[in-house]
Amino acid sequence: MTGTAFVIGASGQIGRQAVRALAADGWQVTAASRGGGSDEGWPPGVRTVRVDRSDSAALAAALGDGCDVLLDCVAYDGADARQLLSLSDRIGSAVVISSAAVYEDEAGRNFDTQAEPDGSPRFPVPLPETCATVAPGPATYGTRKVELERTLLEAGDRLPSTLLRAGAIHGPHSPLPREMYFVKRALDGRPVRVLAYGGRSRFHPVHASNIAELVRLAAAKPGSRALNAGDPRVPTVAEISAAVDRALGVTSETVLVDGPPPEPTVGDTPWGMPYPMVLDMSAAERELGYRAVTSYEESLPGTVAWLAAELDKADWREVFPLPARLSEHGDWFDYAAEDRWLAGRGA
């Protein structure tokens, strides 16, 4: 069954892919974003509208008589959930992007405790949706996503909502492209990659097109549930580094550190975790019939090519302001610190 679909955040990394997937499946799609723009990959017939989702009146006006399914790519907290519920009489069902950052282990360790002594979470492998989550609240990204989830799931009789707990999202148009950590090194001619935790870190990735496939399936099968969103395989950070090098036709030496980063800006990759986070995808497979449309390895060359083109436009801090802000206290590309550490160990 298809009908009308309304996508909030359509110009973003996930929204672009989801609009395409829904339109290809027969939905009449309205793509809403702050800029109101289109995408060259969208088929004819996709309607675009400019709207800031923080303006509830503008969002209500853009919705008009309503839609059969609404995808919200940018919902963040309980206030956003309550905004959607206030429009529930116009929405048949919803699909909302959440995050794997909601989880905590049996000892209460989570993404927010990683900087504390012994604060790195030890999740079961694979990690099911039945695992505990952090407490809801306004404090952090993870707690706000839990607030979003619970508010919507508790109102499932008013608005059936599928919450997709995405892992490390990758692919073109990412505002936080983790692959840049290795792509820029290769483009800069850096001959060595320093990897903490023996290069064994595994942080479940998910390509935007795989999230879009989950959106497509959930739109056709409304319900109130939280489901993991991940790729079919979880490579180690050492495998990711080698795959990026292959995509760019370079060869780098890998220096493995058997433990945490030896210096704040040495060996601390965006995937760095002492213990793996591998999402259990069996619920999505069982409930929705999910089958990934791509893998990390298959999709990586396209991501690398996009990144290389973007990095050629201007300084990386201008092109990617989000990772630049995250690097303020731990520069991703502190080559001088790497060289000092390598020299100190006789490399």
Protein backbone atom coordinates (compact mmCIF):
# COMPACT_ATOMS: atom_id res chain seq x y z
CA MET A 1 0.00 0.00 0.00
CA THR A 2 1.28 3.45 -0.89
CA GLY A 3 -0.21 6.92 -0.65
CA THR A 4 1.11 10.32 0.35
CA ALA A 5 4.43 10.74 2.14
CA PHE A 6 5.85 13.86 3.80
CA VAL A 7 9.60 13.97 4.53
CA ILE A 8 11.01 16.47 7.06
CA GLY A 9 14.70 17.09 6.49
CA ALA A 10 14.56 15.98 2.87
CA SER A 11 17.74 17.81 1.86
CA GLY A 12 19.90 15.95 4.36
CA GLN A 13 21.92 12.78 4.01
CA ILE A 14 19.07 10.42 4.99
CA GLY A 15 16.26 12.49 3.53
CA ARG A 16 17.71 12.51 0.02
CA GLN A 17 17.87 8.73 -0.07
CA ALA A 18 14.50 8.24 1.61
CA VAL A 19 12.65 10.55 -0.80
CA ARG A 20 14.11 8.55 -3.67
CA ALA A 21 13.19 5.20 -2.12
CA LEU A 22 9.63 6.23 -1.25
CA ALA A 23 8.99 7.76 -4.68
CA ALA A 24 10.34 4.66 -6.41
CA ASP A 25 7.93 2.59 -4.32
CA GLY A 26 4.94 4.56 -5.59
CA TRP A 27 4.45 7.13 -2.82
CA GLN A 28 3.48 10.70 -3.71
CA VAL A 29 6.26 12.46 -1.85
CA THR A 30 6.49 15.98 -0.48
CA ALA A 31 10.11 16.82 0.33
CA ALA A 32 10.31 19.46 3.07
CA SER A 33 13.49 21.26 4.07
CA ARG A 34 14.67 24.67 5.23
CA GLY A 35 15.92 25.52 1.77
CA GLY A 36 13.10 23.83 -0.12
CA GLY A 37 15.53 22.43 -2.67
CA SER A 38 15.46 19.33 -4.82
CA ASP A 39 17.97 16.59 -5.59
CA GLU A 40 19.07 15.40 -9.01
CA GLY A 41 18.47 11.80 -7.96
CA TRP A 42 14.77 12.33 -7.27
CA PRO A 43 12.30 11.24 -9.93
CA PRO A 44 9.80 13.66 -11.50
CA GLY A 45 6.71 14.27 -9.40
CA VAL A 46 8.42 14.87 -6.06
CA ARG A 47 6.94 18.05 -4.59
CA THR A 48 9.28 20.34 -2.66
CA VAL A 49 8.37 22.77 0.08
CA ARG A 50 10.38 25.16 2.23
CA VAL A 51 9.67 24.84 5.94
CA ASP A 52 11.56 25.09 9.21
CA ARG A 53 10.31 22.27 11.41
CA SER A 54 10.87 24.38 14.53
CA ASP A 55 7.99 26.60 13.30
CA SER A 56 4.95 24.48 14.18
CA ALA A 57 2.51 26.75 12.38
CA ALA A 58 4.59 26.59 9.19
CA LEU A 59 4.87 22.82 9.47
CA ALA A 60 1.11 22.47 9.94
CA ALA A 61 0.50 24.68 6.91
CA ALA A 62 2.93 22.63 4.80
CA LEU A 63 1.19 19.42 5.84
CA GLY A 64 -2.16 20.80 4.73
CA ASP A 65 -4.76 18.05 4.77
CA GLY A 66 -2.12 15.60 5.98
CA CYS A 67 -0.28 12.52 4.75
CA ASP A 68 -0.39 8.77 5.06
CA VAL A 69 3.17 8.55 6.35
CA LEU A 70 5.57 11.17 7.69
CA LEU A 71 9.32 10.67 7.88
CA ASP A 72 11.13 12.91 10.35
CA CYS A 73 14.90 12.89 9.77
CA VAL A 74 15.68 15.73 12.19
CA ALA A 75 13.53 15.10 15.28
CA TYR A 76 15.71 15.45 18.34
CA ASP A 77 13.81 15.40 21.63
CA GLY A 78 10.50 15.29 23.46
CA ALA A 79 9.45 18.70 22.17
CA ASP A 80 9.78 17.48 18.59
CA ALA A 81 7.79 14.37 19.47
CA ARG A 82 5.02 16.44 21.03
CA GLN A 83 4.96 18.63 17.95
CA LEU A 84 4.33 15.56 15.77
CA LEU A 85 1.64 14.34 18.16
CA SER A 86 -0.12 17.69 17.94
CA LEU A 87 -0.51 16.95 14.22
CA SER A 88 -1.43 13.29 14.64
CA ASP A 89 -4.93 13.81 13.28
CA ARG A 90 -3.28 14.59 9.92
CA ILE A 91 -0.65 11.82 9.93
CA GLY A 92 -1.42 8.16 9.31
CA SER A 93 1.88 6.87 10.71
CA ALA A 94 5.41 8.11 11.29
CA VAL A 95 8.96 6.94 10.82
CA VAL A 96 11.46 8.85 12.96
CA ILE A 97 15.25 8.69 12.99
CA SER A 98 16.70 7.91 16.41
CA SER A 99 20.20 6.75 17.34
CA ALA A 100 22.13 3.81 18.73
CA ALA A 101 23.46 6.34 21.26
CA VAL A 102 20.37 5.58 23.37
CA TYR A 103 21.80 2.30 24.71
CA GLU A 104 23.56 1.59 27.99
CA ASP A 105 25.08 -1.62 29.32
CA GLU A 106 24.19 -3.58 32.46
CA ALA A 107 26.49 -1.41 34.56
CA GLY A 108 24.93 1.83 33.28
CA ARG A 109 27.84 2.67 30.97
CA ASN A 110 26.96 4.44 27.74
CA PHE A 111 28.27 6.92 25.18
CA ASP A 112 28.10 9.69 27.79
CA THR A 113 30.36 7.86 30.27
CA GLN A 114 33.17 6.97 27.85
CA ALA A 115 35.54 9.64 29.18
CA GLU A 116 35.17 8.39 32.76
CA PRO A 117 37.48 5.76 34.30
CA ASP A 118 36.19 2.36 33.16
CA GLY A 119 33.32 4.20 31.49
CA SER A 120 33.36 2.50 28.09
CA PRO A 121 30.17 0.43 27.60
CA ARG A 122 30.35 -3.34 27.17
CA PHE A 123 27.36 -4.14 25.01
CA PRO A 124 26.23 -7.66 24.15
CA VAL A 125 27.22 -8.78 20.65
CA PRO A 126 24.95 -8.43 18.83
CA LEU A 127 23.07 -5.67 20.65
CA PRO A 128 19.26 -6.13 20.58
CA GLU A 129 16.58 -3.47 20.96
CA THR A 130 15.67 -5.01 24.32
CA CYS A 131 18.91 -3.69 25.83
CA ALA A 132 18.44 -0.93 28.40
CA THR A 133 18.58 2.71 27.37
CA VAL A 134 19.76 5.82 29.18
CA ALA A 135 17.19 7.79 31.14
CA PRO A 136 15.22 10.35 29.12
CA GLY A 137 15.94 14.02 29.63
CA PRO A 138 17.47 17.18 28.19
CA ALA A 139 21.09 16.57 29.22
CA THR A 140 22.74 14.92 26.21
CA TYR A 141 22.15 13.74 22.67
CA GLY A 142 21.39 10.20 23.86
CA THR A 143 19.03 11.21 26.67
CA ARG A 144 17.13 13.54 24.35
CA LYS A 145 16.73 10.81 21.75
CA VAL A 146 15.30 8.52 24.45
CA GLU A 147 12.87 11.28 25.40
CA LEU A 148 11.85 11.48 21.74
CA GLU A 149 11.37 7.73 21.51
CA ARG A 150 9.36 7.29 24.68
CA THR A 151 7.06 10.20 24.01
CA LEU A 152 6.13 8.77 20.62
CA LEU A 153 5.95 5.11 21.61
CA GLU A 154 3.74 5.86 24.60
CA ALA A 155 1.31 7.58 22.22
CA GLY A 156 1.26 4.76 19.70
CA ASP A 157 -2.54 4.63 19.75
CA ARG A 158 -2.59 8.21 18.43
CA LEU A 159 0.36 8.01 16.05
CA PRO A 160 1.97 4.66 15.20
CA SER A 161 5.69 5.44 15.00
CA THR A 162 8.72 3.41 13.97
CA LEU A 163 11.90 4.70 15.63
CA LEU A 164 15.07 3.75 13.74
CA ARG A 165 18.13 3.52 15.99
CA ALA A 166 20.85 4.31 13.48
CA GLY A 167 24.47 3.34 13.94
CA ALA A 168 27.36 5.33 12.43
CA ILE A 169 25.66 6.85 9.37
CA HIS A 170 27.82 7.06 6.26
CA GLY A 171 27.57 7.98 2.60
CA PRO A 172 27.56 11.19 0.52
CA HIS A 173 26.18 14.43 1.98
CA SER A 174 27.14 13.47 5.53
CA PRO A 175 27.62 16.44 7.89
CA LEU A 176 29.95 14.22 9.95
CA PRO A 177 31.88 12.03 7.50
CA ARG A 178 34.01 9.75 9.67
CA GLU A 179 35.74 8.46 6.54
CA MET A 180 37.35 11.89 6.16
CA TYR A 181 39.73 10.85 8.95
CA PHE A 182 41.45 8.50 6.49
CA VAL A 183 40.57 10.17 3.18
CA LYS A 184 42.27 13.46 4.06
CA ARG A 185 45.34 11.61 5.34
CA ALA A 186 45.63 9.81 2.03
CA LEU A 187 45.13 13.01 0.04
CA ASP A 188 47.73 14.76 2.23
CA GLY A 189 50.25 12.00 1.55
CA ARG A 190 50.47 10.87 5.16
CA PRO A 191 52.32 7.51 5.01
CA VAL A 192 51.13 6.08 8.32
CA ARG A 193 47.89 5.35 10.18
CA VAL A 194 48.03 5.08 13.98
CA LEU A 195 45.12 3.00 15.31
CA ALA A 196 44.28 2.60 18.98
CA TYR A 197 42.77 -0.56 20.48
CA GLY A 198 44.79 -2.71 18.10
CA GLY A 199 42.70 -1.50 15.15
CA ARG A 200 39.92 -3.80 16.32
CA SER A 201 37.29 -1.12 17.11
CA ARG A 202 33.88 -1.89 15.61
CA PHE A 203 31.13 0.74 15.58
CA HIS A 204 28.19 -0.49 13.53
CA PRO A 205 27.91 1.58 10.34
CA VAL A 206 24.75 2.17 8.32
CA HIS A 207 24.65 3.63 4.83
CA ALA A 208 21.93 6.22 4.25
CA SER A 209 20.42 4.03 1.53
CA ASN A 210 20.00 1.19 4.02
CA ILE A 211 18.16 3.57 6.37
CA ALA A 212 16.02 4.59 3.40
CA GLU A 213 15.17 0.94 2.79
CA LEU A 214 14.05 0.59 6.41
CA VAL A 215 11.96 3.74 5.98
CA ARG A 216 10.35 2.32 2.85
CA LEU A 217 9.50 -0.94 4.59
CA ALA A 218 8.19 0.72 7.76
CA ALA A 219 6.04 3.11 5.72
CA ALA A 220 4.29 0.14 4.14
CA LYS A 221 3.87 -1.61 7.50
CA PRO A 222 2.97 0.96 10.19
CA GLY A 223 3.51 0.13 13.84
CA SER A 224 4.85 1.38 17.16
CA ARG A 225 8.36 -0.01 17.67
CA ALA A 226 12.04 0.81 17.96
CA LEU A 227 14.34 -0.97 15.50
CA ASN A 228 18.08 -0.98 14.99
CA ALA A 229 19.39 0.36 11.69
CA GLY A 230 22.67 -1.06 10.43
CA ASP A 231 24.65 -2.41 7.51
CA PRO A 232 24.93 -6.18 7.01
CA ARG A 233 28.56 -6.32 8.20
CA VAL A 234 30.60 -4.38 10.77
CA PRO A 235 34.22 -3.83 9.66
CA THR A 236 37.01 -3.05 12.08
CA VAL A 237 38.65 0.36 11.95
CA ALA A 238 41.76 -1.29 10.48
CA GLU A 239 39.62 -2.74 7.68
CA ILE A 240 38.05 0.67 7.06
CA SER A 241 41.48 2.31 6.85
CA ALA A 242 42.69 -0.28 4.34
CA ALA A 243 39.50 0.00 2.28
CA VAL A 244 39.85 3.79 2.02
CA ASP A 245 43.45 3.37 0.86
CA ARG A 246 42.33 0.90 -1.81
CA ALA A 247 39.63 3.28 -3.01
CA LEU A 248 42.22 6.03 -3.43
CA GLY A 249 44.97 3.79 -4.80
CA VAL A 250 47.46 4.42 -1.99
CA THR A 251 49.32 2.21 0.47
CA SER A 252 49.90 3.23 4.08
CA GLU A 253 51.75 1.74 7.00
CA THR A 254 49.49 0.83 9.91
CA VAL A 255 50.82 1.27 13.44
CA LEU A 256 48.66 -0.53 15.99
CA VAL A 257 48.46 0.57 19.61
CA ASP A 258 47.25 -2.17 21.93
CA GLY A 259 45.16 0.06 24.14
CA PRO A 260 43.69 3.56 24.21
CA PRO A 261 45.13 6.44 22.18
CA PRO A 262 48.68 7.15 23.42
CA GLU A 263 48.12 10.90 23.04
CA PRO A 264 44.87 12.93 22.83
CA THR A 265 45.24 13.46 19.07
CA VAL A 266 47.14 10.30 18.15
CA GLY A 267 45.28 7.17 17.09
CA ASP A 268 41.87 8.39 18.28
CA THR A 269 39.67 7.70 15.25
CA PRO A 270 35.95 8.50 14.96
CA TRP A 271 35.27 4.76 15.33
CA GLY A 272 37.50 4.34 18.38
CA MET A 273 35.88 2.05 20.94
CA PRO A 274 37.63 -0.46 23.21
CA TYR A 275 34.60 -2.76 23.04
CA PRO A 276 32.46 -3.43 19.95
CA MET A 277 29.03 -2.02 19.20
CA VAL A 278 27.38 -4.45 16.81
CA LEU A 279 23.65 -3.97 16.37
CA ASP A 280 21.30 -6.94 16.19
CA MET A 281 19.36 -6.56 12.95
CA SER A 282 17.15 -9.63 13.37
CA ALA A 283 14.09 -7.69 14.57
CA ALA A 284 14.10 -5.48 11.46
CA GLU A 285 14.54 -8.55 9.29
CA ARG A 286 11.71 -10.36 11.07
CA GLU A 287 9.22 -7.51 11.42
CA LEU A 288 9.84 -5.64 8.16
CA GLY A 289 11.58 -8.16 5.92
CA TYR A 290 14.65 -5.91 5.87
CA ARG A 291 17.51 -6.80 3.56
CA ALA A 292 20.31 -4.28 3.17
CA VAL A 293 20.60 -2.71 -0.28
CA THR A 294 24.36 -2.17 0.08
CA SER A 295 27.29 -2.96 2.34
CA TYR A 296 29.98 -0.75 3.79
CA GLU A 297 32.56 -2.08 1.37
CA GLU A 298 30.31 -1.75 -1.70
CA SER A 299 29.30 1.81 -0.90
CA LEU A 300 32.69 3.12 0.26
CA PRO A 301 34.16 4.10 -3.16
CA GLY A 302 31.21 6.44 -3.77
CA THR A 303 31.64 8.01 -0.35
CA VAL A 304 35.38 8.44 -0.86
CA ALA A 305 34.91 10.04 -4.29
CA TRP A 306 32.35 12.48 -2.87
CA LEU A 307 34.63 13.34 0.04
CA ALA A 308 37.63 13.91 -2.19
CA ALA A 309 35.60 16.27 -4.38
CA GLU A 310 34.30 18.17 -1.35
CA LEU A 311 37.76 18.51 0.19
CA ASP A 312 39.02 19.94 -3.10
CA LYS A 313 36.64 22.90 -2.79
CA ALA A 314 38.05 24.59 0.31
CA ASP A 315 39.72 24.00 3.67
CA TRP A 316 38.14 21.02 5.40
CA ARG A 317 37.00 23.18 8.32
CA GLU A 318 34.91 25.30 5.99
CA VAL A 319 33.46 22.34 4.10
CA PHE A 320 32.71 20.29 7.21
CA PRO A 321 32.10 22.63 10.17
CA LEU A 322 30.66 19.92 12.45
CA PRO A 323 33.79 17.72 12.62
CA ALA A 324 35.83 20.92 12.81
CA ARG A 325 33.97 21.89 15.99
CA LEU A 326 34.41 18.38 17.38
CA SER A 327 38.14 18.65 16.65
CA GLU A 328 38.60 21.82 18.70
CA HIS A 329 39.81 19.77 21.67
CA GLY A 330 41.31 16.91 19.68
CA ASP A 331 42.34 17.73 16.13
CA TRP A 332 41.68 14.85 13.72
CA PHE A 333 44.71 15.94 11.68
CA ASP A 334 47.36 16.83 14.26
CA TYR A 335 50.21 15.48 12.17
CA ALA A 336 52.87 17.17 14.30
CA ALA A 337 51.70 15.27 17.40
CA GLU A 338 51.67 12.03 15.40
CA ASP A 339 55.21 12.65 14.19
CA ARG A 340 56.48 13.42 17.71
CA TRP A 341 54.90 10.26 19.06
CA LEU A 342 56.23 8.12 16.21
CA ALA A 343 59.73 9.58 16.66
CA GLY A 344 59.57 8.91 20.38
CA ARG A 345 58.88 5.24 19.86
CA GLY A 346 61.63 4.88 17.29
CA ALA A 347 59.33 4.66 14.27
